[in-house]
Amino acid sequence: MHGHEAELLTTTLLMLSAIGCGLILKFVRQPPLVGYILAGLFIGPSGLGLIDYSAEISSLAELGIILLLFIIGMELSVKAFLSVVRPAVIATMAQIMCSIFLAFLVSFYFAWSVPQILLVGFILPLSSTAVALMVLDSLGLLRAHVGQLTVGVLVAQDIAVVPMLVFAGAGAGVLAEWPLLVTRIGLAVTVLGGLLFWIARTSRLRLPYGQVLENNVELSVLLGLGLCFMAASLTGFMGLSPVFGAFCAGLAISHTNLRKPILNATQPLQSLLIVIFFVSIGLLVDLNYVAAHWGVILAVTVAVLCLKTILGGVLLYVGGEPIGRALVSSLITPQIGEFSFVLTTTGIASGIFISQVADFLLAVIAASLFVSPIWSNVLHYLVVRSKIHLLGEPTKLSNAPG
């Protein structure tokens, strides 16, 4: 088989395996994204060997991440985030600093370089938004104060990802060109800070043709993708990460009356591409490496989950939250998240990570998602059986039209 027929068969196998594994994980009340990773493991080079990680799959996965940041920007309510900004930012920044210090200690054993230490320190603190929101929703805490706090931490992490991606894409020689890196990160933070300040201080803009877009899905898709990819291309040419431009474009659109039609039209395409992204992660995980080092991978995974749970609870408590609420919030977000995969693959592409380091990190990230249901069960016991009263006034961190 050759040409487009081979590509069609590859796409079919990818989709069918993702659907099958996703349904199985959904049936046992676990995040479908774990099933997508399993699908990649099953059909990938170290599994049945049906599909290899190709440039086409990599491009589709990258588009999925760009659209994910675009939609996160549109869904973010800046004013709601500001209500929990103090504990969320304290917890996020302190976890990043502690993670970098931990990576520094571990580097004596693994002989990591300074860029590798910093990037590992960026990767470990990030949590899975998809898993956390699913757990919050299943426990009925999504609109409670503890849900607001947890989503605030996730939003702070999403914002912190922006300069991290700039660093990850700079390459192995990043420290030799540190003035340029600092300039790029400073520019990114300035633009993002200015955009957040503008949104917080002004009323929603009403742009023309909003009603037309609401009644025309095709135009909404074209406009949304056009603005997203234009912003991503612009920041890419500036030496910043393309996803930074996509996130800023989403934030800008969220402050206009075009948000609802563009969000509704682009979400299905983004969901499809994100499935491809998670399957591609499964394709990258080397099962032979996992089999040879499963003990170390499991030990590091459990250690990371325990440390993130304890540290997250302590930091939120220091930030002014009650100990019960801080503990439950930290139990929701101990797993390593989607953007950790993005940072790892970006580090591979830029040359910061060699194959052995990348194999180890991908295995630990995937394992944390597999093990995280245990933490969810602990959380369920605390909330339901111990009758911890954590519900506060229902609020929303997602944007609402109007």
Protein backbone atom coordinates (compact mmCIF):
# COMPACT_ATOMS: atom_id res chain seq x y z
CA MET A 1 0.00 0.00 0.00
CA HIS A 2 1.32 3.43 -0.87
CA GLY A 3 0.56 7.15 -0.99
CA HIS A 4 -2.73 8.39 0.38
CA GLU A 5 -4.05 4.86 0.96
CA ALA A 6 -1.33 4.23 3.54
CA GLU A 7 -2.00 7.58 5.23
CA LEU A 8 -5.74 6.82 5.30
CA LEU A 9 -5.11 3.45 6.92
CA THR A 10 -2.82 5.05 9.51
CA THR A 11 -5.48 7.64 10.37
CA THR A 12 -8.17 4.95 10.59
CA LEU A 13 -6.09 2.79 12.95
CA LEU A 14 -5.27 5.82 15.09
CA MET A 15 -8.91 6.90 15.40
CA LEU A 16 -10.35 3.42 16.01
CA SER A 17 -7.77 2.59 18.68
CA ALA A 18 -8.36 5.95 20.38
CA ILE A 19 -12.13 5.42 20.36
CA GLY A 20 -11.83 1.88 21.74
CA CYS A 21 -9.40 2.71 24.55
CA GLY A 22 -11.19 5.97 25.36
CA LEU A 23 -14.53 4.16 25.74
CA ILE A 24 -12.97 1.51 27.97
CA LEU A 25 -11.46 4.15 30.28
CA LYS A 26 -14.73 6.11 30.28
CA PHE A 27 -16.61 2.92 31.21
CA VAL A 28 -14.43 2.46 34.30
CA ARG A 29 -14.86 6.16 35.14
CA GLN A 30 -11.32 7.22 34.34
CA PRO A 31 -10.13 10.08 32.10
CA PRO A 32 -10.43 9.13 28.40
CA LEU A 33 -7.10 10.87 27.72
CA VAL A 34 -5.38 8.01 29.56
CA GLY A 35 -7.05 5.69 27.05
CA TYR A 36 -5.68 7.74 24.16
CA ILE A 37 -2.14 7.32 25.52
CA LEU A 38 -2.78 3.58 25.91
CA ALA A 39 -3.97 3.47 22.30
CA GLY A 40 -0.68 4.96 21.17
CA LEU A 41 1.23 2.43 23.27
CA PHE A 42 -0.84 -0.42 21.83
CA ILE A 43 -0.42 0.41 18.13
CA GLY A 44 2.97 2.17 18.36
CA PRO A 45 6.52 1.03 17.59
CA SER A 46 7.05 -0.65 20.97
CA GLY A 47 3.57 -2.25 20.88
CA LEU A 48 2.12 -3.93 17.82
CA GLY A 49 4.25 -1.77 15.54
CA LEU A 50 1.30 -0.75 13.34
CA ILE A 51 2.03 3.00 13.38
CA ASP A 52 5.24 4.98 13.80
CA TYR A 53 5.61 8.56 15.00
CA SER A 54 5.67 10.56 11.76
CA ALA A 55 6.07 14.18 10.75
CA GLU A 56 2.37 14.29 9.77
CA ILE A 57 1.22 13.09 13.20
CA SER A 58 3.62 15.53 14.87
CA SER A 59 2.20 18.44 12.84
CA LEU A 60 -1.40 17.53 13.70
CA ALA A 61 -0.49 17.16 17.38
CA GLU A 62 1.17 20.59 17.36
CA LEU A 63 -1.94 22.13 15.78
CA GLY A 64 -4.00 20.52 18.53
CA ILE A 65 -1.90 22.19 21.24
CA ILE A 66 -2.10 25.55 19.48
CA LEU A 67 -5.90 25.27 19.35
CA LEU A 68 -6.00 24.09 22.97
CA LEU A 69 -4.24 27.26 24.15
CA PHE A 70 -6.49 29.33 21.89
CA ILE A 71 -9.62 27.84 23.51
CA ILE A 72 -8.19 28.07 27.04
CA GLY A 73 -7.65 31.77 26.38
CA MET A 74 -11.27 32.17 25.25
CA GLU A 75 -12.63 30.26 28.27
CA LEU A 76 -10.58 32.13 30.86
CA SER A 77 -12.45 34.64 33.02
CA VAL A 78 -9.79 37.10 34.14
CA LYS A 79 -12.02 38.79 36.73
CA ALA A 80 -12.93 35.47 38.37
CA PHE A 81 -9.27 34.40 38.37
CA LEU A 82 -8.29 37.60 40.15
CA SER A 83 -10.53 36.61 43.10
CA VAL A 84 -8.20 33.67 43.91
CA VAL A 85 -5.02 35.07 42.37
CA ARG A 86 -3.03 35.33 45.63
CA PRO A 87 -3.12 31.67 46.80
CA ALA A 88 -3.05 30.38 43.20
CA VAL A 89 0.06 32.34 42.22
CA ILE A 90 1.83 31.62 45.53
CA ALA A 91 1.21 27.88 45.15
CA THR A 92 2.20 27.82 41.47
CA MET A 93 5.42 29.83 41.76
CA ALA A 94 6.56 28.09 44.94
CA GLN A 95 5.95 24.64 43.42
CA ILE A 96 8.01 25.62 40.37
CA MET A 97 10.92 26.80 42.55
CA CYS A 98 10.76 23.66 44.70
CA SER A 99 10.62 21.49 41.60
CA ILE A 100 13.71 23.17 40.13
CA PHE A 101 15.55 22.59 43.42
CA LEU A 102 14.48 18.92 43.41
CA ALA A 103 15.64 18.55 39.79
CA PHE A 104 18.97 20.10 40.80
CA LEU A 105 19.43 17.47 43.54
CA VAL A 106 18.47 14.61 41.21
CA SER A 107 20.83 15.94 38.51
CA PHE A 108 23.85 14.74 40.50
CA TYR A 109 22.68 11.17 39.82
CA PHE A 110 21.54 11.65 36.21
CA ALA A 111 24.26 14.17 35.22
CA TRP A 112 21.74 16.63 33.77
CA SER A 113 22.85 19.92 32.27
CA VAL A 114 21.53 23.26 33.58
CA PRO A 115 18.93 23.64 30.76
CA GLN A 116 17.74 20.10 31.47
CA ILE A 117 17.45 20.85 35.21
CA LEU A 118 15.39 23.97 34.55
CA LEU A 119 13.11 22.28 32.01
CA VAL A 120 12.52 19.27 34.30
CA GLY A 121 11.72 21.77 37.06
CA PHE A 122 9.13 23.36 34.77
CA ILE A 123 7.60 20.03 33.73
CA LEU A 124 6.91 18.41 37.11
CA PRO A 125 4.66 21.05 38.80
CA LEU A 126 2.13 21.28 35.96
CA SER A 127 -1.13 19.43 36.56
CA SER A 128 -3.73 17.94 34.20
CA THR A 129 -6.62 20.33 33.62
CA ALA A 130 -8.71 17.58 32.02
CA VAL A 131 -8.30 15.17 34.96
CA ALA A 132 -8.81 17.86 37.62
CA LEU A 133 -12.01 19.18 36.04
CA MET A 134 -13.38 15.65 35.69
CA VAL A 135 -12.73 14.93 39.40
CA LEU A 136 -14.25 18.24 40.49
CA ASP A 137 -17.34 17.63 38.38
CA SER A 138 -17.80 14.05 39.63
CA LEU A 139 -17.69 15.27 43.26
CA GLY A 140 -19.99 18.22 42.63
CA LEU A 141 -17.28 20.70 43.63
CA LEU A 142 -16.73 22.45 40.30
CA ARG A 143 -18.71 25.56 41.25
CA ALA A 144 -17.85 25.46 44.97
CA HIS A 145 -15.10 27.60 46.46
CA VAL A 146 -12.67 24.68 46.46
CA GLY A 147 -13.39 24.23 42.74
CA GLN A 148 -12.80 27.92 42.14
CA LEU A 149 -9.50 27.68 44.00
CA THR A 150 -8.39 24.57 42.10
CA VAL A 151 -9.26 26.04 38.71
CA GLY A 152 -7.43 29.20 39.72
CA VAL A 153 -4.27 27.16 40.34
CA LEU A 154 -4.71 25.46 36.95
CA VAL A 155 -5.14 28.84 35.25
CA ALA A 156 -1.99 30.16 36.95
CA GLN A 157 -0.12 27.11 35.65
CA ASP A 158 -1.48 27.66 32.12
CA ILE A 159 -0.23 31.25 32.19
CA ALA A 160 3.16 30.13 33.53
CA VAL A 161 3.46 27.68 30.62
CA VAL A 162 3.90 30.60 28.21
CA PRO A 163 7.46 31.65 29.26
CA MET A 164 8.29 27.97 29.87
CA LEU A 165 7.58 27.18 26.22
CA VAL A 166 9.76 30.09 25.13
CA PHE A 167 12.59 28.59 27.18
CA ALA A 168 11.97 25.02 25.95
CA GLY A 169 12.08 26.08 22.31
CA ALA A 170 15.34 28.03 22.67
CA GLY A 171 17.50 24.90 22.39
CA ALA A 172 20.40 23.32 24.26
CA GLY A 173 22.52 26.47 23.91
CA VAL A 174 19.92 28.61 25.65
CA LEU A 175 22.23 29.73 28.46
CA ALA A 176 24.88 30.95 26.02
CA GLU A 177 22.26 33.32 24.58
CA TRP A 178 20.61 34.26 27.87
CA PRO A 179 20.22 37.99 27.07
CA LEU A 180 18.08 37.10 24.05
CA LEU A 181 16.10 34.57 26.11
CA VAL A 182 15.47 37.08 28.91
CA THR A 183 14.35 39.63 26.30
CA ARG A 184 11.92 37.16 24.74
CA ILE A 185 10.47 36.07 28.08
CA GLY A 186 10.23 39.68 29.23
CA LEU A 187 8.41 40.59 26.02
CA ALA A 188 6.02 37.67 26.43
CA VAL A 189 5.26 38.52 30.07
CA THR A 190 4.79 42.21 29.21
CA VAL A 191 2.36 41.49 26.38
CA LEU A 192 0.43 38.97 28.45
CA GLY A 193 0.34 41.25 31.51
CA GLY A 194 -0.87 44.17 29.41
CA LEU A 195 -3.59 42.04 27.84
CA LEU A 196 -4.80 40.77 31.23
CA PHE A 197 -4.79 44.33 32.62
CA TRP A 198 -6.81 45.60 29.63
CA ILE A 199 -9.40 42.83 30.02
CA ALA A 200 -9.74 43.39 33.77
CA ARG A 201 -10.21 47.17 33.41
CA THR A 202 -12.49 47.45 30.37
CA SER A 203 -15.97 46.25 29.42
CA ARG A 204 -16.61 43.61 26.77
CA LEU A 205 -16.22 44.89 23.19
CA ARG A 206 -19.06 44.50 20.74
CA LEU A 207 -17.59 43.96 17.28
CA PRO A 208 -19.60 43.95 14.05
CA TYR A 209 -20.94 40.78 12.42
CA GLY A 210 -21.32 38.90 15.70
CA GLN A 211 -24.90 37.91 14.84
CA VAL A 212 -23.82 36.78 11.37
CA LEU A 213 -21.18 34.47 12.84
CA GLU A 214 -23.64 32.94 15.30
CA ASN A 215 -25.73 31.76 12.34
CA ASN A 216 -22.86 30.56 10.17
CA VAL A 217 -20.58 27.80 11.49
CA GLU A 218 -18.28 27.86 8.46
CA LEU A 219 -17.45 31.54 8.83
CA SER A 220 -16.96 31.12 12.59
CA VAL A 221 -14.48 28.29 12.03
CA LEU A 222 -12.59 30.23 9.37
CA LEU A 223 -12.39 33.40 11.45
CA GLY A 224 -11.37 31.55 14.60
CA LEU A 225 -8.68 29.48 12.89
CA GLY A 226 -7.49 32.50 10.92
CA LEU A 227 -7.01 34.65 14.02
CA CYS A 228 -5.46 31.77 15.98
CA PHE A 229 -2.93 30.78 13.32
CA MET A 230 -2.13 34.39 12.42
CA ALA A 231 -1.25 35.18 16.03
CA ALA A 232 0.66 31.89 16.39
CA SER A 233 2.66 32.61 13.22
CA LEU A 234 3.45 36.14 14.35
CA THR A 235 4.83 35.10 17.74
CA GLY A 236 6.65 32.19 16.10
CA PHE A 237 8.48 34.57 13.75
CA MET A 238 9.28 36.81 16.73
CA GLY A 239 11.15 33.93 18.37
CA LEU A 240 8.40 33.30 20.90
CA SER A 241 6.34 30.12 21.09
CA PRO A 242 3.46 29.86 18.57
CA VAL A 243 1.15 28.73 21.38
CA PHE A 244 1.81 32.05 23.13
CA GLY A 245 0.26 33.89 20.22
CA ALA A 246 -2.67 31.47 20.15
CA PHE A 247 -3.30 31.99 23.87
CA CYS A 248 -3.20 35.78 23.53
CA ALA A 249 -5.57 35.64 20.55
CA GLY A 250 -7.99 33.56 22.60
CA LEU A 251 -7.78 36.02 25.50
CA ALA A 252 -8.48 38.96 23.19
CA ILE A 253 -11.49 37.24 21.58
CA SER A 254 -12.84 36.28 25.02
CA HIS A 255 -13.36 39.99 25.69
CA THR A 256 -15.60 40.46 22.65
CA ASN A 257 -19.06 39.36 21.51
CA LEU A 258 -17.41 37.02 18.97
CA ARG A 259 -16.32 34.64 21.73
CA LYS A 260 -19.37 32.39 21.79
CA PRO A 261 -19.69 31.61 18.04
CA ILE A 262 -15.94 31.11 17.57
CA LEU A 263 -15.63 28.95 20.70
CA ASN A 264 -18.57 26.72 19.73
CA ALA A 265 -17.30 26.31 16.17
CA THR A 266 -13.64 25.53 16.92
CA GLN A 267 -14.00 23.22 19.94
CA PRO A 268 -14.85 20.03 17.97
CA LEU A 269 -11.78 20.42 15.74
CA GLN A 270 -9.59 21.11 18.76
CA SER A 271 -10.93 18.02 20.53
CA LEU A 272 -10.07 15.85 17.52
CA LEU A 273 -6.52 17.20 17.27
CA ILE A 274 -5.96 16.81 21.03
CA VAL A 275 -6.88 13.12 20.71
CA ILE A 276 -4.16 12.82 18.06
CA PHE A 277 -1.74 14.59 20.41
CA PHE A 278 -2.30 12.12 23.25
CA VAL A 279 -2.10 9.13 20.91
CA SER A 280 1.19 10.54 19.61
CA ILE A 281 2.50 10.62 23.19
CA GLY A 282 1.75 6.91 23.44
CA LEU A 283 3.66 6.37 20.21
CA LEU A 284 6.69 8.09 21.75
CA VAL A 285 6.77 6.06 24.98
CA ASP A 286 9.30 3.24 24.72
CA LEU A 287 7.81 0.14 26.38
CA ASN A 288 11.19 -1.59 26.35
CA TYR A 289 12.64 1.29 28.37
CA VAL A 290 9.67 1.15 30.76
CA ALA A 291 10.08 -2.62 31.22
CA ALA A 292 13.79 -2.20 31.98
CA HIS A 293 13.31 0.67 34.45
CA TRP A 294 9.78 0.14 35.78
CA GLY A 295 10.88 0.19 39.42
CA VAL A 296 12.58 3.58 39.19
CA ILE A 297 9.71 5.00 37.11
CA LEU A 298 7.11 3.82 39.63
CA ALA A 299 9.11 5.09 42.62
CA VAL A 300 9.66 8.52 41.06
CA THR A 301 5.99 8.73 40.04
CA VAL A 302 4.71 7.96 43.54
CA ALA A 303 7.26 10.36 45.05
CA VAL A 304 6.16 13.17 42.71
CA LEU A 305 2.48 12.57 43.47
CA CYS A 306 3.09 12.55 47.23
CA LEU A 307 5.32 15.62 47.16
CA LYS A 308 2.92 17.60 44.95
CA THR A 309 -0.01 16.70 47.21
CA ILE A 310 1.77 17.67 50.42
CA LEU A 311 3.50 20.74 49.02
CA GLY A 312 0.38 21.96 47.24
CA GLY A 313 -1.70 21.70 50.43
CA VAL A 314 0.92 23.47 52.53
CA LEU A 315 1.37 26.29 50.03
CA LEU A 316 -2.36 26.91 49.67
CA TYR A 317 -2.66 26.96 53.45
CA VAL A 318 0.20 29.46 53.64
CA GLY A 319 -1.65 31.46 50.98
CA GLY A 320 -4.60 31.87 53.34
CA GLU A 321 -6.87 28.91 52.55
CA PRO A 322 -8.34 26.63 55.29
CA ILE A 323 -6.38 23.40 55.72
CA GLY A 324 -9.27 21.14 54.64
CA ARG A 325 -9.91 23.06 51.43
CA ALA A 326 -6.17 23.29 50.69
CA LEU A 327 -5.77 19.52 51.13
CA VAL A 328 -8.67 18.62 48.85
CA SER A 329 -7.47 21.03 46.18
CA SER A 330 -3.97 19.54 46.29
CA LEU A 331 -5.41 16.01 46.06
CA ILE A 332 -7.14 17.00 42.83
CA THR A 333 -3.96 18.23 41.10
CA PRO A 334 -1.01 15.93 41.94
CA GLN A 335 -0.72 14.31 38.50
CA ILE A 336 1.63 15.70 35.85
CA GLY A 337 -0.39 17.28 33.07
CA GLU A 338 -0.85 17.75 29.35
CA PHE A 339 1.50 20.71 29.00
CA SER A 340 4.27 18.68 30.59
CA PHE A 341 4.07 16.46 27.52
CA VAL A 342 4.25 19.59 25.35
CA LEU A 343 7.31 20.90 27.17
CA THR A 344 8.98 17.49 26.92
CA THR A 345 8.39 17.12 23.18
CA THR A 346 9.47 20.74 22.65
CA GLY A 347 12.65 20.01 24.62
CA ILE A 348 13.28 16.97 22.42
CA ALA A 349 12.80 18.99 19.23
CA SER A 350 15.07 21.83 20.41
CA GLY A 351 17.83 19.49 21.54
CA ILE A 352 17.64 20.13 25.30
CA PHE A 353 16.64 16.54 26.03
CA ILE A 354 18.47 13.50 24.75
CA SER A 355 16.48 10.33 24.12
CA GLN A 356 17.17 8.69 27.50
CA VAL A 357 16.01 11.70 29.52
CA ALA A 358 12.96 12.10 27.28
CA ASP A 359 12.03 8.41 27.64
CA PHE A 360 12.23 8.70 31.42
CA LEU A 361 10.12 11.88 31.59
CA LEU A 362 7.45 10.62 29.17
CA ALA A 363 7.14 7.39 31.17
CA VAL A 364 6.81 9.25 34.50
CA ILE A 365 4.23 11.70 33.11
CA ALA A 366 2.14 8.89 31.63
CA ALA A 367 2.46 6.83 34.83
CA SER A 368 1.27 9.77 36.95
CA LEU A 369 -1.92 9.93 34.89
CA PHE A 370 -2.43 6.18 35.29
CA VAL A 371 -1.87 6.28 39.07
CA SER A 372 -3.87 9.48 39.70
CA PRO A 373 -7.21 7.60 40.13
CA ILE A 374 -5.84 6.34 43.48
CA TRP A 375 -5.59 9.95 44.63
CA SER A 376 -9.12 10.54 43.32
CA ASN A 377 -10.38 7.67 45.48
CA VAL A 378 -8.65 9.19 48.52
CA LEU A 379 -10.32 12.50 47.72
CA HIS A 380 -13.72 10.82 47.35
CA TYR A 381 -13.28 9.25 50.80
CA LEU A 382 -12.36 12.60 52.39
CA VAL A 383 -15.24 14.50 50.83
CA VAL A 384 -18.04 11.94 50.96
CA ARG A 385 -17.28 9.59 53.88
CA SER A 386 -15.56 12.00 56.22
CA LYS A 387 -18.15 14.68 55.44
CA ILE A 388 -15.66 17.51 55.03
CA HIS A 389 -17.77 20.61 54.37
CA LEU A 390 -15.94 22.53 51.68
CA LEU A 391 -18.71 23.96 49.54
CA GLY A 392 -18.70 27.70 49.25
CA GLU A 393 -20.64 30.16 47.16
CA PRO A 394 -20.90 28.88 43.56
CA THR A 395 -18.78 30.92 41.20
CA LYS A 396 -17.44 30.43 37.70
CA LEU A 397 -13.93 30.64 36.34
CA SER A 398 -15.14 29.97 32.83
CA ASN A 399 -16.26 32.92 30.79
CA ALA A 400 -19.92 33.65 30.33
CA PRO A 401 -21.27 35.64 27.41
CA GLY A 402 -22.77 39.03 28.00
